[in-house]
Amino acid sequence: MTEPPAAAAEGAMSAAYRSLTIGLLAIITLTAFEAMAV
């Protein structure tokens, strides 16, 4: 899927991606807790 030029110029914590980035960080955080604690 090709990103439009405007979207491609934005960073991972821009308004377009902020909630998704935070959600992915939450997913990996839980995976980390699971792996390290177990």
PDB file of all heavy atoms in Angstrom:
ATOM      1  N   MET A   1       0.844  -1.182   0.000  1.00  0.00           N
ATOM      2  CA  MET A   1       0.000   0.000   0.000  1.00  0.00           C
ATOM      3  C   MET A   1       0.884   1.238   0.000  1.00  0.00           C
ATOM      4  O   MET A   1       1.733   1.412   0.868  1.00  0.00           O
ATOM      5  CB  MET A   1      -0.905   0.004   1.234  1.00  0.00           C
ATOM      6  CG  MET A   1      -1.892   1.154   1.268  1.00  0.00           C
ATOM      7  SD  MET A   1      -3.135   0.896   2.552  1.00  0.00           S
ATOM      8  CE  MET A   1      -2.148   0.805   4.028  1.00  0.00           C
ATOM      9  N   THR A   2       0.713   2.155  -0.943  1.00  0.00           N
ATOM     10  CA  THR A   2       1.551   3.339  -1.086  1.00  0.00           C
ATOM     11  C   THR A   2       1.017   4.460  -0.215  1.00  0.00           C
ATOM     12  O   THR A   2      -0.175   4.757  -0.228  1.00  0.00           O
ATOM     13  CB  THR A   2       1.602   3.796  -2.556  1.00  0.00           C
ATOM     14  OG1 THR A   2       2.083   2.720  -3.350  1.00  0.00           O
ATOM     15  CG2 THR A   2       2.515   4.984  -2.711  1.00  0.00           C
ATOM     16  N   GLU A   3       1.924   5.093   0.535  1.00  0.00           N
ATOM     17  CA  GLU A   3       1.532   6.198   1.380  1.00  0.00           C
ATOM     18  C   GLU A   3       1.512   7.495   0.577  1.00  0.00           C
ATOM     19  O   GLU A   3       2.388   7.743  -0.263  1.00  0.00           O
ATOM     20  CB  GLU A   3       2.536   6.338   2.544  1.00  0.00           C
ATOM     21  CG  GLU A   3       2.555   5.155   3.482  1.00  0.00           C
ATOM     22  CD  GLU A   3       1.273   5.009   4.269  1.00  0.00           C
ATOM     23  OE1 GLU A   3       0.597   6.028   4.479  1.00  0.00           O
ATOM     24  OE2 GLU A   3       0.939   3.888   4.658  1.00  0.00           O
ATOM     25  N   PRO A   4       0.545   8.363   0.801  1.00  0.00           N
ATOM     26  CA  PRO A   4       0.563   9.670   0.168  1.00  0.00           C
ATOM     27  C   PRO A   4       1.741  10.479   0.671  1.00  0.00           C
ATOM     28  O   PRO A   4       2.210  10.278   1.780  1.00  0.00           O
ATOM     29  CB  PRO A   4      -0.773  10.294   0.602  1.00  0.00           C
ATOM     30  CG  PRO A   4      -1.150   9.549   1.829  1.00  0.00           C
ATOM     31  CD  PRO A   4      -0.622   8.182   1.661  1.00  0.00           C
ATOM     32  N   PRO A   5       2.259  11.423  -0.131  1.00  0.00           N
ATOM     33  CA  PRO A   5       3.443  12.170   0.259  1.00  0.00           C
ATOM     34  C   PRO A   5       3.308  12.864   1.597  1.00  0.00           C
ATOM     35  O   PRO A   5       4.232  12.895   2.397  1.00  0.00           O
ATOM     36  CB  PRO A   5       3.610  13.183  -0.885  1.00  0.00           C
ATOM     37  CG  PRO A   5       2.938  12.536  -2.065  1.00  0.00           C
ATOM     38  CD  PRO A   5       1.809  11.758  -1.508  1.00  0.00           C
ATOM     39  N   ALA A   6       2.139  13.441   1.878  1.00  0.00           N
ATOM     40  CA  ALA A   6       1.957  14.144   3.143  1.00  0.00           C
ATOM     41  C   ALA A   6       2.097  13.202   4.314  1.00  0.00           C
ATOM     42  O   ALA A   6       2.728  13.500   5.327  1.00  0.00           O
ATOM     43  CB  ALA A   6       0.588  14.826   3.169  1.00  0.00           C
ATOM     44  N   ALA A   7       1.489  11.999   4.190  1.00  0.00           N
ATOM     45  CA  ALA A   7       1.571  11.034   5.288  1.00  0.00           C
ATOM     46  C   ALA A   7       2.984  10.543   5.458  1.00  0.00           C
ATOM     47  O   ALA A   7       3.462  10.331   6.566  1.00  0.00           O
ATOM     48  CB  ALA A   7       0.616   9.867   5.022  1.00  0.00           C
ATOM     49  N   ALA A   8       3.694  10.359   4.324  1.00  0.00           N
ATOM     50  CA  ALA A   8       5.039   9.812   4.398  1.00  0.00           C
ATOM     51  C   ALA A   8       5.982  10.744   5.128  1.00  0.00           C
ATOM     52  O   ALA A   8       6.983  10.317   5.692  1.00  0.00           O
ATOM     53  CB  ALA A   8       5.563   9.522   2.997  1.00  0.00           C
ATOM     54  N   ALA A   9       5.681  12.075   5.117  1.00  0.00           N
ATOM     55  CA  ALA A   9       6.564  13.043   5.750  1.00  0.00           C
ATOM     56  C   ALA A   9       6.360  13.112   7.257  1.00  0.00           C
ATOM     57  O   ALA A   9       7.148  13.724   7.957  1.00  0.00           O
ATOM     58  CB  ALA A   9       6.338  14.417   5.127  1.00  0.00           C
ATOM     59  N   GLU A  10       5.302  12.538   7.779  1.00  0.00           N
ATOM     60  CA  GLU A  10       4.983  12.639   9.192  1.00  0.00           C
ATOM     61  C   GLU A  10       5.737  11.597  10.000  1.00  0.00           C
ATOM     62  O   GLU A  10       6.058  10.520   9.517  1.00  0.00           O
ATOM     63  CB  GLU A  10       3.474  12.495   9.396  1.00  0.00           C
ATOM     64  CG  GLU A  10       2.688  13.642   8.758  1.00  0.00           C
ATOM     65  CD  GLU A  10       1.185  13.467   8.929  1.00  0.00           C
ATOM     66  OE1 GLU A  10       0.759  12.356   9.282  1.00  0.00           O
ATOM     67  OE2 GLU A  10       0.457  14.442   8.707  1.00  0.00           O
ATOM     68  N   GLY A  11       5.986  11.927  11.270  1.00  0.00           N
ATOM     69  CA  GLY A  11       6.711  11.029  12.143  1.00  0.00           C
ATOM     70  C   GLY A  11       5.793  10.042  12.839  1.00  0.00           C
ATOM     71  O   GLY A  11       4.556  10.114  12.749  1.00  0.00           O
ATOM     72  N   ALA A  12       6.413   9.129  13.591  1.00  0.00           N
ATOM     73  CA  ALA A  12       5.658   8.068  14.242  1.00  0.00           C
ATOM     74  C   ALA A  12       4.738   8.590  15.324  1.00  0.00           C
ATOM     75  O   ALA A  12       3.745   7.941  15.664  1.00  0.00           O
ATOM     76  CB  ALA A  12       6.622   7.036  14.826  1.00  0.00           C
ATOM     77  N   MET A  13       5.050   9.756  15.887  1.00  0.00           N
ATOM     78  CA  MET A  13       4.215  10.328  16.939  1.00  0.00           C
ATOM     79  C   MET A  13       3.440  11.547  16.451  1.00  0.00           C
ATOM     80  O   MET A  13       2.946  12.338  17.258  1.00  0.00           O
ATOM     81  CB  MET A  13       5.065  10.700  18.154  1.00  0.00           C
ATOM     82  CG  MET A  13       5.298   9.542  19.105  1.00  0.00           C
ATOM     83  SD  MET A  13       3.746   8.951  19.844  1.00  0.00           S
ATOM     84  CE  MET A  13       4.379   7.629  20.903  1.00  0.00           C
ATOM     85  N   SER A  14       3.310  11.689  15.132  1.00  0.00           N
ATOM     86  CA  SER A  14       2.455  12.748  14.603  1.00  0.00           C
ATOM     87  C   SER A  14       0.998  12.386  14.853  1.00  0.00           C
ATOM     88  O   SER A  14       0.666  11.266  15.234  1.00  0.00           O
ATOM     89  CB  SER A  14       2.707  12.917  13.109  1.00  0.00           C
ATOM     90  OG  SER A  14       2.331  11.737  12.404  1.00  0.00           O
ATOM     91  N   ALA A  15       0.120  13.348  14.622  1.00  0.00           N
ATOM     92  CA  ALA A  15      -1.298  13.118  14.886  1.00  0.00           C
ATOM     93  C   ALA A  15      -1.842  11.940  14.095  1.00  0.00           C
ATOM     94  O   ALA A  15      -2.723  11.218  14.555  1.00  0.00           O
ATOM     95  CB  ALA A  15      -2.102  14.385  14.560  1.00  0.00           C
ATOM     96  N   ALA A  16      -1.300  11.731  12.882  1.00  0.00           N
ATOM     97  CA  ALA A  16      -1.807  10.658  12.026  1.00  0.00           C
ATOM     98  C   ALA A  16      -1.504   9.273  12.586  1.00  0.00           C
ATOM     99  O   ALA A  16      -2.240   8.319  12.325  1.00  0.00           O
ATOM    100  CB  ALA A  16      -1.220  10.793  10.621  1.00  0.00           C
ATOM    101  N   TYR A  17      -0.412   9.142  13.345  1.00  0.00           N
ATOM    102  CA  TYR A  17       0.036   7.816  13.780  1.00  0.00           C
ATOM    103  C   TYR A  17       0.107   7.656  15.299  1.00  0.00           C
ATOM    104  O   TYR A  17       0.407   6.567  15.781  1.00  0.00           O
ATOM    105  CB  TYR A  17       1.433   7.526  13.205  1.00  0.00           C
ATOM    106  CG  TYR A  17       1.499   7.540  11.706  1.00  0.00           C
ATOM    107  CD1 TYR A  17       2.241   8.511  11.034  1.00  0.00           C
ATOM    108  CD2 TYR A  17       0.808   6.597  10.950  1.00  0.00           C
ATOM    109  CE1 TYR A  17       2.296   8.530   9.651  1.00  0.00           C
ATOM    110  CE2 TYR A  17       0.866   6.612   9.568  1.00  0.00           C
ATOM    111  CZ  TYR A  17       1.606   7.578   8.928  1.00  0.00           C
ATOM    112  OH  TYR A  17       1.652   7.591   7.557  1.00  0.00           O
ATOM    113  N   ARG A  18      -0.151   8.705  16.058  1.00  0.00           N
ATOM    114  CA  ARG A  18       0.122   8.669  17.497  1.00  0.00           C
ATOM    115  C   ARG A  18      -0.614   7.545  18.214  1.00  0.00           C
ATOM    116  O   ARG A  18      -0.018   6.765  18.966  1.00  0.00           O
ATOM    117  CB  ARG A  18      -0.240  10.013  18.136  1.00  0.00           C
ATOM    118  CG  ARG A  18       0.170  10.109  19.612  1.00  0.00           C
ATOM    119  CD  ARG A  18      -0.192  11.458  20.198  1.00  0.00           C
ATOM    120  NE  ARG A  18       0.475  12.532  19.470  1.00  0.00           N
ATOM    121  CZ  ARG A  18      -0.155  13.513  18.812  1.00  0.00           C
ATOM    122  NH1 ARG A  18      -1.482  13.528  18.788  1.00  0.00           N
ATOM    123  NH2 ARG A  18       0.525  14.440  18.194  1.00  0.00           N
ATOM    124  N   SER A  19      -1.931   7.442  18.000  1.00  0.00           N
ATOM    125  CA  SER A  19      -2.695   6.427  18.736  1.00  0.00           C
ATOM    126  C   SER A  19      -2.275   5.023  18.339  1.00  0.00           C
ATOM    127  O   SER A  19      -2.197   4.115  19.182  1.00  0.00           O
ATOM    128  CB  SER A  19      -4.197   6.614  18.491  1.00  0.00           C
ATOM    129  OG  SER A  19      -4.498   6.499  17.110  1.00  0.00           O
ATOM    130  N   LEU A  20      -1.969   4.813  17.057  1.00  0.00           N
ATOM    131  CA  LEU A  20      -1.520   3.495  16.608  1.00  0.00           C
ATOM    132  C   LEU A  20      -0.166   3.154  17.232  1.00  0.00           C
ATOM    133  O   LEU A  20       0.053   2.024  17.691  1.00  0.00           O
ATOM    134  CB  LEU A  20      -1.428   3.470  15.084  1.00  0.00           C
ATOM    135  CG  LEU A  20      -0.878   2.183  14.461  1.00  0.00           C
ATOM    136  CD1 LEU A  20      -1.721   0.983  14.856  1.00  0.00           C
ATOM    137  CD2 LEU A  20      -0.802   2.319  12.943  1.00  0.00           C
ATOM    138  N   THR A  21       0.749   4.114  17.232  1.00  0.00           N
ATOM    139  CA  THR A  21       2.066   3.875  17.815  1.00  0.00           C
ATOM    140  C   THR A  21       1.958   3.531  19.296  1.00  0.00           C
ATOM    141  O   THR A  21       2.609   2.589  19.779  1.00  0.00           O
ATOM    142  CB  THR A  21       2.965   5.119  17.626  1.00  0.00           C
ATOM    143  OG1 THR A  21       3.113   5.386  16.230  1.00  0.00           O
ATOM    144  CG2 THR A  21       4.332   4.898  18.240  1.00  0.00           C
ATOM    145  N   ILE A  22       1.146   4.273  20.016  1.00  0.00           N
ATOM    146  CA  ILE A  22       0.961   3.989  21.448  1.00  0.00           C
ATOM    147  C   ILE A  22       0.369   2.600  21.644  1.00  0.00           C
ATOM    148  O   ILE A  22       0.770   1.851  22.543  1.00  0.00           O
ATOM    149  CB  ILE A  22       0.062   5.066  22.090  1.00  0.00           C
ATOM    150  CG1 ILE A  22       0.802   6.415  22.113  1.00  0.00           C
ATOM    151  CG2 ILE A  22      -0.332   4.665  23.506  1.00  0.00           C
ATOM    152  CD1 ILE A  22      -0.059   7.572  22.568  1.00  0.00           C
ATOM    153  N   GLY A  23      -0.590   2.233  20.790  1.00  0.00           N
ATOM    154  CA  GLY A  23      -1.186   0.903  20.904  1.00  0.00           C
ATOM    155  C   GLY A  23      -0.188  -0.208  20.658  1.00  0.00           C
ATOM    156  O   GLY A  23      -0.150  -1.206  21.380  1.00  0.00           O
ATOM    157  N   LEU A  24       0.651  -0.045  19.626  1.00  0.00           N
ATOM    158  CA  LEU A  24       1.666  -1.062  19.345  1.00  0.00           C
ATOM    159  C   LEU A  24       2.677  -1.157  20.488  1.00  0.00           C
ATOM    160  O   LEU A  24       3.118  -2.254  20.851  1.00  0.00           O
ATOM    161  CB  LEU A  24       2.380  -0.741  18.037  1.00  0.00           C
ATOM    162  CG  LEU A  24       1.535  -0.882  16.763  1.00  0.00           C
ATOM    163  CD1 LEU A  24       2.351  -0.444  15.547  1.00  0.00           C
ATOM    164  CD2 LEU A  24       1.055  -2.312  16.579  1.00  0.00           C
ATOM    165  N   LEU A  25       3.045  -0.017  21.054  1.00  0.00           N
ATOM    166  CA  LEU A  25       3.949  -0.031  22.201  1.00  0.00           C
ATOM    167  C   LEU A  25       3.328  -0.787  23.375  1.00  0.00           C
ATOM    168  O   LEU A  25       4.015  -1.514  24.102  1.00  0.00           O
ATOM    169  CB  LEU A  25       4.305   1.397  22.612  1.00  0.00           C
ATOM    170  CG  LEU A  25       5.194   2.173  21.634  1.00  0.00           C
ATOM    171  CD1 LEU A  25       5.360   3.616  22.097  1.00  0.00           C
ATOM    172  CD2 LEU A  25       6.550   1.515  21.490  1.00  0.00           C
ATOM    173  N   ALA A  26       2.008  -0.629  23.548  1.00  0.00           N
ATOM    174  CA  ALA A  26       1.324  -1.355  24.626  1.00  0.00           C
ATOM    175  C   ALA A  26       1.361  -2.865  24.378  1.00  0.00           C
ATOM    176  O   ALA A  26       1.574  -3.657  25.306  1.00  0.00           O
ATOM    177  CB  ALA A  26      -0.121  -0.879  24.750  1.00  0.00           C
ATOM    178  N   ILE A  27       1.167  -3.275  23.126  1.00  0.00           N
ATOM    179  CA  ILE A  27       1.208  -4.697  22.787  1.00  0.00           C
ATOM    180  C   ILE A  27       2.576  -5.292  23.101  1.00  0.00           C
ATOM    181  O   ILE A  27       2.703  -6.356  23.724  1.00  0.00           O
ATOM    182  CB  ILE A  27       0.880  -4.903  21.294  1.00  0.00           C
ATOM    183  CG1 ILE A  27      -0.585  -4.560  21.011  1.00  0.00           C
ATOM    184  CG2 ILE A  27       1.186  -6.331  20.855  1.00  0.00           C
ATOM    185  CD1 ILE A  27      -1.571  -5.524  21.579  1.00  0.00           C
ATOM    186  N   ILE A  28       3.623  -4.618  22.660  1.00  0.00           N
ATOM    187  CA  ILE A  28       4.970  -5.139  22.902  1.00  0.00           C
ATOM    188  C   ILE A  28       5.321  -5.092  24.377  1.00  0.00           C
ATOM    189  O   ILE A  28       6.034  -5.966  24.887  1.00  0.00           O
ATOM    190  CB  ILE A  28       5.992  -4.358  22.059  1.00  0.00           C
ATOM    191  CG1 ILE A  28       5.671  -4.511  20.574  1.00  0.00           C
ATOM    192  CG2 ILE A  28       7.407  -4.839  22.334  1.00  0.00           C
ATOM    193  CD1 ILE A  28       5.608  -5.952  20.092  1.00  0.00           C
ATOM    194  N   THR A  29       4.813  -4.090  25.087  1.00  0.00           N
ATOM    195  CA  THR A  29       5.066  -4.016  26.531  1.00  0.00           C
ATOM    196  C   THR A  29       4.502  -5.227  27.250  1.00  0.00           C
ATOM    197  O   THR A  29       5.157  -5.825  28.117  1.00  0.00           O
ATOM    198  CB  THR A  29       4.471  -2.720  27.106  1.00  0.00           C
ATOM    199  OG1 THR A  29       5.115  -1.597  26.500  1.00  0.00           O
ATOM    200  CG2 THR A  29       4.677  -2.654  28.614  1.00  0.00           C
ATOM    201  N   LEU A  30       3.281  -5.630  26.895  1.00  0.00           N
ATOM    202  CA  LEU A  30       2.699  -6.796  27.564  1.00  0.00           C
ATOM    203  C   LEU A  30       3.478  -8.057  27.206  1.00  0.00           C
ATOM    204  O   LEU A  30       3.673  -8.938  28.057  1.00  0.00           O
ATOM    205  CB  LEU A  30       1.225  -6.958  27.199  1.00  0.00           C
ATOM    206  CG  LEU A  30       0.839  -7.575  25.854  1.00  0.00           C
ATOM    207  CD1 LEU A  30       0.687  -9.097  25.980  1.00  0.00           C
ATOM    208  CD2 LEU A  30      -0.472  -6.987  25.334  1.00  0.00           C
ATOM    209  N   THR A  31       3.929  -8.145  25.951  1.00  0.00           N
ATOM    210  CA  THR A  31       4.739  -9.291  25.556  1.00  0.00           C
ATOM    211  C   THR A  31       6.039  -9.331  26.360  1.00  0.00           C
ATOM    212  O   THR A  31       6.500 -10.394  26.777  1.00  0.00           O
ATOM    213  CB  THR A  31       5.058  -9.222  24.056  1.00  0.00           C
ATOM    214  OG1 THR A  31       3.830  -9.136  23.314  1.00  0.00           O
ATOM    215  CG2 THR A  31       5.825 -10.446  23.594  1.00  0.00           C
ATOM    216  N   ALA A  32       6.618  -8.164  26.584  1.00  0.00           N
ATOM    217  CA  ALA A  32       7.852  -8.084  27.363  1.00  0.00           C
ATOM    218  C   ALA A  32       7.621  -8.519  28.807  1.00  0.00           C
ATOM    219  O   ALA A  32       8.411  -9.278  29.375  1.00  0.00           O
ATOM    220  CB  ALA A  32       8.397  -6.660  27.314  1.00  0.00           C
ATOM    221  N   PHE A  33       6.557  -8.024  29.420  1.00  0.00           N
ATOM    222  CA  PHE A  33       6.239  -8.437  30.784  1.00  0.00           C
ATOM    223  C   PHE A  33       6.086  -9.964  30.863  1.00  0.00           C
ATOM    224  O   PHE A  33       6.597 -10.606  31.772  1.00  0.00           O
ATOM    225  CB  PHE A  33       4.943  -7.773  31.263  1.00  0.00           C
ATOM    226  CG  PHE A  33       5.163  -6.476  31.976  1.00  0.00           C
ATOM    227  CD1 PHE A  33       4.725  -5.287  31.430  1.00  0.00           C
ATOM    228  CD2 PHE A  33       5.798  -6.440  33.210  1.00  0.00           C
ATOM    229  CE1 PHE A  33       4.922  -4.083  32.081  1.00  0.00           C
ATOM    230  CE2 PHE A  33       6.002  -5.239  33.870  1.00  0.00           C
ATOM    231  CZ  PHE A  33       5.559  -4.045  33.308  1.00  0.00           C
ATOM    232  N   GLU A  34       5.365 -10.503  29.888  1.00  0.00           N
ATOM    233  CA  GLU A  34       5.124 -11.951  29.892  1.00  0.00           C
ATOM    234  C   GLU A  34       6.431 -12.728  29.793  1.00  0.00           C
ATOM    235  O   GLU A  34       6.693 -13.650  30.562  1.00  0.00           O
ATOM    236  CB  GLU A  34       4.200 -12.291  28.717  1.00  0.00           C
ATOM    237  CG  GLU A  34       3.481 -13.625  28.845  1.00  0.00           C
ATOM    238  CD  GLU A  34       4.266 -14.764  28.210  1.00  0.00           C
ATOM    239  OE1 GLU A  34       5.271 -14.491  27.531  1.00  0.00           O
ATOM    240  OE2 GLU A  34       3.875 -15.921  28.406  1.00  0.00           O
ATOM    241  N   ALA A  35       7.278 -12.333  28.848  1.00  0.00           N
ATOM    242  CA  ALA A  35       8.521 -13.072  28.618  1.00  0.00           C
ATOM    243  C   ALA A  35       9.482 -12.946  29.789  1.00  0.00           C
ATOM    244  O   ALA A  35      10.037 -13.944  30.276  1.00  0.00           O
ATOM    245  CB  ALA A  35       9.181 -12.576  27.333  1.00  0.00           C
ATOM    246  N   MET A  36       9.694 -11.730  30.265  1.00  0.00           N
ATOM    247  CA  MET A  36      10.680 -11.510  31.319  1.00  0.00           C
ATOM    248  C   MET A  36      10.223 -12.098  32.649  1.00  0.00           C
ATOM    249  O   MET A  36      10.999 -12.721  33.380  1.00  0.00           O
ATOM    250  CB  MET A  36      10.948 -10.011  31.477  1.00  0.00           C
ATOM    251  CG  MET A  36      11.425  -9.326  30.212  1.00  0.00           C
ATOM    252  SD  MET A  36      12.946 -10.009  29.539  1.00  0.00           S
ATOM    253  CE  MET A  36      14.115  -9.536  30.795  1.00  0.00           C
ATOM    254  N   ALA A  37       8.945 -11.921  32.972  1.00  0.00           N
ATOM    255  CA  ALA A  37       8.452 -12.415  34.249  1.00  0.00           C
ATOM    256  C   ALA A  37       8.435 -13.932  34.303  1.00  0.00           C
ATOM    257  O   ALA A  37       8.832 -14.544  35.305  1.00  0.00           O
ATOM    258  CB  ALA A  37       7.042 -11.854  34.508  1.00  0.00           C
ATOM    259  N   VAL A  38       7.982 -14.564  33.218  1.00  0.00           N
ATOM    260  CA  VAL A  38       7.907 -16.022  33.204  1.00  0.00           C
ATOM    261  C   VAL A  38       9.299 -16.639  33.290  1.00  0.00           C
ATOM    262  O   VAL A  38       9.529 -17.598  34.037  1.00  0.00           O
ATOM    263  CB  VAL A  38       7.161 -16.508  31.944  1.00  0.00           C
ATOM    264  CG1 VAL A  38       7.280 -18.022  31.794  1.00  0.00           C
ATOM    265  CG2 VAL A  38       5.697 -16.110  32.005  1.00  0.00           C
TER     266      VAL A  38
END
